[in-house]
Amino acid sequence: MSRSVLLQIARDSIAEVLEAQISIDRDALLKEHPLLNEKIPTTINLFINRELKGSYSIQNTNSSLLSNIIIGAKKAAFEDKKSSILTTSEYLHCEVELILNTPDGDISETDPAIILTL
């Protein structure tokens, strides 16, 4: 099962920090998916075993959806003041939830953990 482009961007954003390298080609993504230029408030939630591990909301409509996802994922994983920094192991076991606050209502999708915990 393949994940959506939006959820892949969120996962890749976290991986960039864990791997200490830039891997997201913003220009290519914007060219291939012009809707990523839209200004949409975004929330990223990270769950491990159904428990909220990190969360970040960007209500700023001056930034593109692409920027909101990249920044939100990194902040949810590494700057949420209520929880510790996400480790590589936790990243592999976390679910990523993306919520877009559109004028027509919230749109939510969740990416399951890469490694499922039994």
N, C-alpha and C. Protein backbone atom coordinates (compact mmCIF):
# COMPACT_ATOMS: atom_id res chain seq x y z
N MET A 1 0.85 -1.18 0.00
CA MET A 1 0.00 0.00 0.00
C MET A 1 0.88 1.24 0.00
N SER A 2 0.66 2.13 -0.94
CA SER A 2 1.48 3.33 -1.00
C SER A 2 0.81 4.45 -0.20
N ARG A 3 1.64 5.31 0.34
CA ARG A 3 1.08 6.42 1.11
C ARG A 3 0.90 7.63 0.21
N SER A 4 0.07 8.53 0.63
CA SER A 4 -0.21 9.73 -0.15
C SER A 4 1.03 10.61 -0.22
N VAL A 5 1.05 11.49 -1.19
CA VAL A 5 2.17 12.42 -1.34
C VAL A 5 2.32 13.27 -0.08
N LEU A 6 1.21 13.71 0.49
CA LEU A 6 1.26 14.58 1.67
C LEU A 6 1.86 13.85 2.87
N LEU A 7 1.44 12.61 3.09
CA LEU A 7 1.99 11.83 4.20
C LEU A 7 3.45 11.46 3.95
N GLN A 8 3.80 11.23 2.68
CA GLN A 8 5.20 10.93 2.36
C GLN A 8 6.08 12.14 2.65
N ILE A 9 5.59 13.33 2.34
CA ILE A 9 6.34 14.56 2.65
C ILE A 9 6.54 14.68 4.16
N ALA A 10 5.51 14.40 4.94
CA ALA A 10 5.63 14.47 6.40
C ALA A 10 6.68 13.47 6.89
N ARG A 11 6.62 12.24 6.42
CA ARG A 11 7.61 11.23 6.83
C ARG A 11 9.02 11.63 6.39
N ASP A 12 9.14 12.09 5.14
CA ASP A 12 10.46 12.50 4.63
C ASP A 12 11.03 13.68 5.43
N SER A 13 10.17 14.56 5.90
CA SER A 13 10.62 15.71 6.70
C SER A 13 11.26 15.25 8.00
N ILE A 14 10.65 14.29 8.65
CA ILE A 14 11.21 13.75 9.90
C ILE A 14 12.51 13.01 9.60
N ALA A 15 12.51 12.24 8.53
CA ALA A 15 13.71 11.48 8.14
C ALA A 15 14.88 12.41 7.83
N GLU A 16 14.61 13.57 7.25
CA GLU A 16 15.68 14.53 6.98
C GLU A 16 16.46 14.88 8.25
N VAL A 17 15.74 15.08 9.33
CA VAL A 17 16.39 15.42 10.60
C VAL A 17 17.15 14.22 11.15
N LEU A 18 16.50 13.06 11.15
CA LEU A 18 17.14 11.86 11.68
C LEU A 18 18.40 11.48 10.90
N GLU A 19 18.38 11.70 9.59
CA GLU A 19 19.51 11.36 8.75
C GLU A 19 20.49 12.51 8.56
N ALA A 20 20.15 13.68 9.08
CA ALA A 20 20.98 14.89 8.99
C ALA A 20 21.36 15.20 7.54
N GLN A 21 20.35 15.14 6.66
CA GLN A 21 20.59 15.52 5.28
C GLN A 21 19.29 16.01 4.65
N ILE A 22 19.42 16.89 3.69
CA ILE A 22 18.25 17.40 2.98
C ILE A 22 17.95 16.47 1.82
N SER A 23 16.74 15.93 1.79
CA SER A 23 16.37 14.99 0.74
C SER A 23 15.11 15.40 -0.01
N ILE A 24 14.39 16.38 0.49
CA ILE A 24 13.15 16.80 -0.14
C ILE A 24 13.46 17.85 -1.21
N ASP A 25 13.08 17.56 -2.43
CA ASP A 25 13.27 18.50 -3.54
C ASP A 25 12.00 19.33 -3.67
N ARG A 26 11.99 20.46 -2.98
CA ARG A 26 10.79 21.30 -2.93
C ARG A 26 10.36 21.76 -4.31
N ASP A 27 11.32 22.21 -5.12
CA ASP A 27 10.98 22.72 -6.46
C ASP A 27 10.32 21.64 -7.31
N ALA A 28 10.86 20.43 -7.27
CA ALA A 28 10.27 19.33 -8.06
C ALA A 28 8.87 19.00 -7.57
N LEU A 29 8.67 18.98 -6.25
CA LEU A 29 7.34 18.69 -5.70
C LEU A 29 6.33 19.76 -6.11
N LEU A 30 6.73 21.03 -6.03
CA LEU A 30 5.82 22.11 -6.40
C LEU A 30 5.49 22.07 -7.89
N LYS A 31 6.45 21.69 -8.70
CA LYS A 31 6.21 21.59 -10.14
C LYS A 31 5.28 20.43 -10.45
N GLU A 32 5.49 19.29 -9.80
CA GLU A 32 4.69 18.10 -10.05
C GLU A 32 3.31 18.18 -9.41
N HIS A 33 3.20 18.86 -8.27
CA HIS A 33 1.93 18.95 -7.52
C HIS A 33 1.66 20.42 -7.18
N PRO A 34 1.15 21.20 -8.14
CA PRO A 34 0.92 22.63 -7.91
C PRO A 34 0.02 22.96 -6.72
N LEU A 35 -0.84 22.02 -6.32
CA LEU A 35 -1.71 22.28 -5.17
C LEU A 35 -0.92 22.45 -3.87
N LEU A 36 0.33 22.01 -3.86
CA LEU A 36 1.18 22.20 -2.67
C LEU A 36 1.50 23.67 -2.43
N ASN A 37 1.21 24.52 -3.42
CA ASN A 37 1.41 25.96 -3.26
C ASN A 37 0.25 26.63 -2.52
N GLU A 38 -0.87 25.91 -2.38
CA GLU A 38 -2.05 26.48 -1.71
C GLU A 38 -1.73 26.82 -0.25
N LYS A 39 -2.43 27.79 0.26
CA LYS A 39 -2.27 28.23 1.66
C LYS A 39 -3.32 27.54 2.50
N ILE A 40 -2.91 26.47 3.20
CA ILE A 40 -3.86 25.66 3.98
C ILE A 40 -3.29 25.43 5.38
N PRO A 41 -4.01 25.88 6.42
CA PRO A 41 -3.59 25.58 7.79
C PRO A 41 -3.51 24.07 7.98
N THR A 42 -2.49 23.65 8.73
CA THR A 42 -2.17 22.22 8.82
C THR A 42 -1.85 21.81 10.24
N THR A 43 -2.24 20.59 10.61
CA THR A 43 -1.86 20.00 11.90
C THR A 43 -1.23 18.64 11.62
N ILE A 44 -0.13 18.36 12.30
CA ILE A 44 0.53 17.06 12.24
C ILE A 44 0.50 16.47 13.64
N ASN A 45 0.01 15.23 13.75
CA ASN A 45 0.02 14.49 15.02
C ASN A 45 0.81 13.21 14.83
N LEU A 46 1.61 12.87 15.82
CA LEU A 46 2.38 11.63 15.81
C LEU A 46 1.92 10.77 16.98
N PHE A 47 1.56 9.52 16.70
CA PHE A 47 1.06 8.60 17.71
C PHE A 47 1.93 7.36 17.77
N ILE A 48 2.20 6.89 18.99
CA ILE A 48 2.85 5.60 19.20
C ILE A 48 1.93 4.80 20.12
N ASN A 49 1.50 3.64 19.63
CA ASN A 49 0.54 2.81 20.37
C ASN A 49 -0.70 3.61 20.78
N ARG A 50 -1.19 4.39 19.85
CA ARG A 50 -2.40 5.22 20.01
C ARG A 50 -2.24 6.35 21.02
N GLU A 51 -1.04 6.56 21.51
CA GLU A 51 -0.79 7.65 22.45
C GLU A 51 -0.11 8.79 21.70
N LEU A 52 -0.61 10.01 21.89
CA LEU A 52 -0.05 11.17 21.21
C LEU A 52 1.39 11.40 21.66
N LYS A 53 2.31 11.38 20.72
CA LYS A 53 3.74 11.56 21.01
C LYS A 53 4.18 12.99 20.69
N GLY A 54 3.59 13.59 19.69
CA GLY A 54 3.95 14.95 19.31
C GLY A 54 2.88 15.54 18.42
N SER A 55 2.75 16.86 18.47
CA SER A 55 1.73 17.53 17.68
C SER A 55 2.19 18.95 17.37
N TYR A 56 1.80 19.42 16.19
CA TYR A 56 2.09 20.81 15.86
C TYR A 56 1.05 21.30 14.86
N SER A 57 0.51 22.49 15.11
CA SER A 57 -0.47 23.11 14.21
C SER A 57 0.09 24.40 13.66
N ILE A 58 -0.13 24.60 12.39
CA ILE A 58 0.25 25.86 11.74
C ILE A 58 -1.03 26.46 11.18
N GLN A 59 -1.45 27.56 11.75
CA GLN A 59 -2.66 28.24 11.29
C GLN A 59 -2.32 29.37 10.33
N ASN A 60 -1.04 29.56 10.06
CA ASN A 60 -0.55 30.63 9.19
C ASN A 60 -0.96 30.35 7.75
N THR A 61 -1.73 31.24 7.18
CA THR A 61 -2.12 31.06 5.79
C THR A 61 -1.21 31.84 4.84
N ASN A 62 -0.07 32.28 5.33
CA ASN A 62 0.91 32.93 4.47
C ASN A 62 1.90 31.93 3.89
N SER A 63 1.95 30.74 4.44
CA SER A 63 2.89 29.72 4.00
C SER A 63 2.17 28.68 3.14
N SER A 64 2.92 28.06 2.25
CA SER A 64 2.34 27.04 1.37
C SER A 64 2.06 25.76 2.16
N LEU A 65 1.19 24.94 1.61
CA LEU A 65 0.90 23.64 2.20
C LEU A 65 2.19 22.83 2.33
N LEU A 66 3.03 22.87 1.32
CA LEU A 66 4.30 22.15 1.37
C LEU A 66 5.13 22.59 2.57
N SER A 67 5.30 23.88 2.75
CA SER A 67 6.07 24.38 3.90
C SER A 67 5.41 24.02 5.22
N ASN A 68 4.09 24.11 5.27
CA ASN A 68 3.39 23.79 6.51
C ASN A 68 3.59 22.32 6.90
N ILE A 69 3.57 21.42 5.92
CA ILE A 69 3.76 20.00 6.23
C ILE A 69 5.19 19.75 6.69
N ILE A 70 6.17 20.30 5.98
CA ILE A 70 7.57 20.09 6.33
C ILE A 70 7.88 20.64 7.72
N ILE A 71 7.49 21.87 7.97
CA ILE A 71 7.76 22.50 9.27
C ILE A 71 6.97 21.81 10.38
N GLY A 72 5.69 21.53 10.12
CA GLY A 72 4.84 20.90 11.13
C GLY A 72 5.33 19.53 11.54
N ALA A 73 5.76 18.73 10.58
CA ALA A 73 6.25 17.38 10.90
C ALA A 73 7.51 17.45 11.75
N LYS A 74 8.42 18.33 11.38
CA LYS A 74 9.68 18.46 12.13
C LYS A 74 9.42 18.97 13.54
N LYS A 75 8.54 19.94 13.67
CA LYS A 75 8.25 20.48 15.00
C LYS A 75 7.49 19.48 15.86
N ALA A 76 6.57 18.73 15.27
CA ALA A 76 5.84 17.70 16.04
C ALA A 76 6.81 16.64 16.55
N ALA A 77 7.79 16.28 15.73
CA ALA A 77 8.73 15.22 16.09
C ALA A 77 9.82 15.67 17.04
N PHE A 78 10.25 16.91 16.93
CA PHE A 78 11.46 17.31 17.65
C PHE A 78 11.33 18.54 18.55
N GLU A 79 10.18 19.23 18.50
CA GLU A 79 10.06 20.44 19.31
C GLU A 79 8.80 20.51 20.15
N ASP A 80 8.00 19.45 20.18
CA ASP A 80 6.80 19.45 21.01
C ASP A 80 7.23 19.50 22.47
N LYS A 81 6.82 20.53 23.17
CA LYS A 81 7.28 20.75 24.55
C LYS A 81 6.69 19.74 25.55
N LYS A 82 5.62 19.03 25.14
CA LYS A 82 4.99 18.07 26.05
C LYS A 82 5.63 16.68 26.00
N SER A 83 6.49 16.43 25.04
CA SER A 83 7.11 15.10 24.95
C SER A 83 8.56 15.23 24.53
N SER A 84 9.27 14.13 24.61
CA SER A 84 10.69 14.14 24.27
C SER A 84 10.88 14.08 22.76
N ILE A 85 12.10 14.30 22.34
CA ILE A 85 12.45 14.25 20.93
C ILE A 85 12.22 12.84 20.40
N LEU A 86 11.65 12.74 19.22
CA LEU A 86 11.38 11.45 18.60
C LEU A 86 12.69 10.76 18.23
N THR A 87 12.84 9.52 18.64
CA THR A 87 14.03 8.74 18.28
C THR A 87 13.77 8.01 16.97
N THR A 88 14.82 7.46 16.39
CA THR A 88 14.66 6.69 15.15
C THR A 88 13.72 5.51 15.36
N SER A 89 13.88 4.82 16.45
CA SER A 89 13.00 3.68 16.75
C SER A 89 11.55 4.12 16.87
N GLU A 90 11.32 5.22 17.56
CA GLU A 90 9.95 5.73 17.70
C GLU A 90 9.39 6.15 16.35
N TYR A 91 10.22 6.76 15.51
CA TYR A 91 9.79 7.16 14.17
C TYR A 91 9.26 5.94 13.40
N LEU A 92 9.96 4.84 13.49
CA LEU A 92 9.56 3.63 12.77
C LEU A 92 8.26 3.04 13.32
N HIS A 93 7.95 3.34 14.58
CA HIS A 93 6.75 2.79 15.22
C HIS A 93 5.60 3.79 15.31
N CYS A 94 5.79 4.99 14.78
CA CYS A 94 4.73 6.00 14.96
C CYS A 94 3.81 6.09 13.75
N GLU A 95 2.57 6.41 14.05
CA GLU A 95 1.58 6.75 13.04
C GLU A 95 1.65 8.25 12.82
N VAL A 96 1.48 8.68 11.59
CA VAL A 96 1.49 10.11 11.27
C VAL A 96 0.09 10.50 10.81
N GLU A 97 -0.49 11.47 11.51
CA GLU A 97 -1.81 11.98 11.12
C GLU A 97 -1.64 13.40 10.59
N LEU A 98 -2.24 13.65 9.46
CA LEU A 98 -2.21 14.96 8.83
C LEU A 98 -3.63 15.48 8.75
N ILE A 99 -3.84 16.70 9.24
CA ILE A 99 -5.16 17.33 9.20
C ILE A 99 -5.03 18.65 8.47
N LEU A 100 -5.82 18.79 7.39
CA LEU A 100 -5.84 20.03 6.63
C LEU A 100 -7.12 20.78 6.97
N ASN A 101 -6.99 22.03 7.36
CA ASN A 101 -8.15 22.84 7.74
C ASN A 101 -8.61 23.64 6.52
N THR A 102 -9.45 23.02 5.70
CA THR A 102 -9.92 23.66 4.48
C THR A 102 -11.20 24.46 4.74
N PRO A 103 -11.55 25.37 3.84
CA PRO A 103 -12.80 26.12 4.01
C PRO A 103 -14.04 25.21 4.05
N ASP A 104 -13.94 24.02 3.44
CA ASP A 104 -15.06 23.08 3.43
C ASP A 104 -15.06 22.15 4.63
N GLY A 105 -14.11 22.31 5.54
CA GLY A 105 -14.02 21.45 6.71
C GLY A 105 -12.66 20.77 6.77
N ASP A 106 -12.44 20.04 7.85
CA ASP A 106 -11.17 19.35 8.04
C ASP A 106 -11.08 18.10 7.18
N ILE A 107 -9.90 17.88 6.63
CA ILE A 107 -9.59 16.65 5.90
C ILE A 107 -8.46 15.99 6.66
N SER A 108 -8.64 14.73 7.02
CA SER A 108 -7.66 14.02 7.83
C SER A 108 -7.28 12.71 7.16
N GLU A 109 -5.99 12.38 7.22
CA GLU A 109 -5.53 11.06 6.79
C GLU A 109 -4.38 10.64 7.69
N THR A 110 -4.26 9.33 7.86
CA THR A 110 -3.26 8.77 8.77
C THR A 110 -2.43 7.73 8.05
N ASP A 111 -1.13 7.78 8.28
CA ASP A 111 -0.20 6.79 7.75
C ASP A 111 0.17 5.85 8.88
N PRO A 112 -0.03 4.55 8.70
CA PRO A 112 0.32 3.61 9.77
C PRO A 112 1.82 3.56 10.03
N ALA A 113 2.17 3.01 11.16
CA ALA A 113 3.58 2.86 11.52
C ALA A 113 4.30 2.02 10.46
N ILE A 114 5.57 2.33 10.26
CA ILE A 114 6.39 1.56 9.32
C ILE A 114 6.60 0.16 9.87
N ILE A 115 6.86 0.07 11.17
CA ILE A 115 6.99 -1.20 11.85
C ILE A 115 5.86 -1.29 12.87
N LEU A 116 5.00 -2.25 12.69
CA LEU A 116 3.86 -2.39 13.59
C LEU A 116 4.26 -3.04 14.90
N THR A 117 3.79 -2.48 15.99
CA THR A 117 4.03 -3.02 17.32
C THR A 117 2.91 -3.97 17.65
N LEU A 118 3.24 -5.12 18.15
CA LEU A 118 2.21 -6.11 18.52
C LEU A 118 1.75 -5.91 19.94
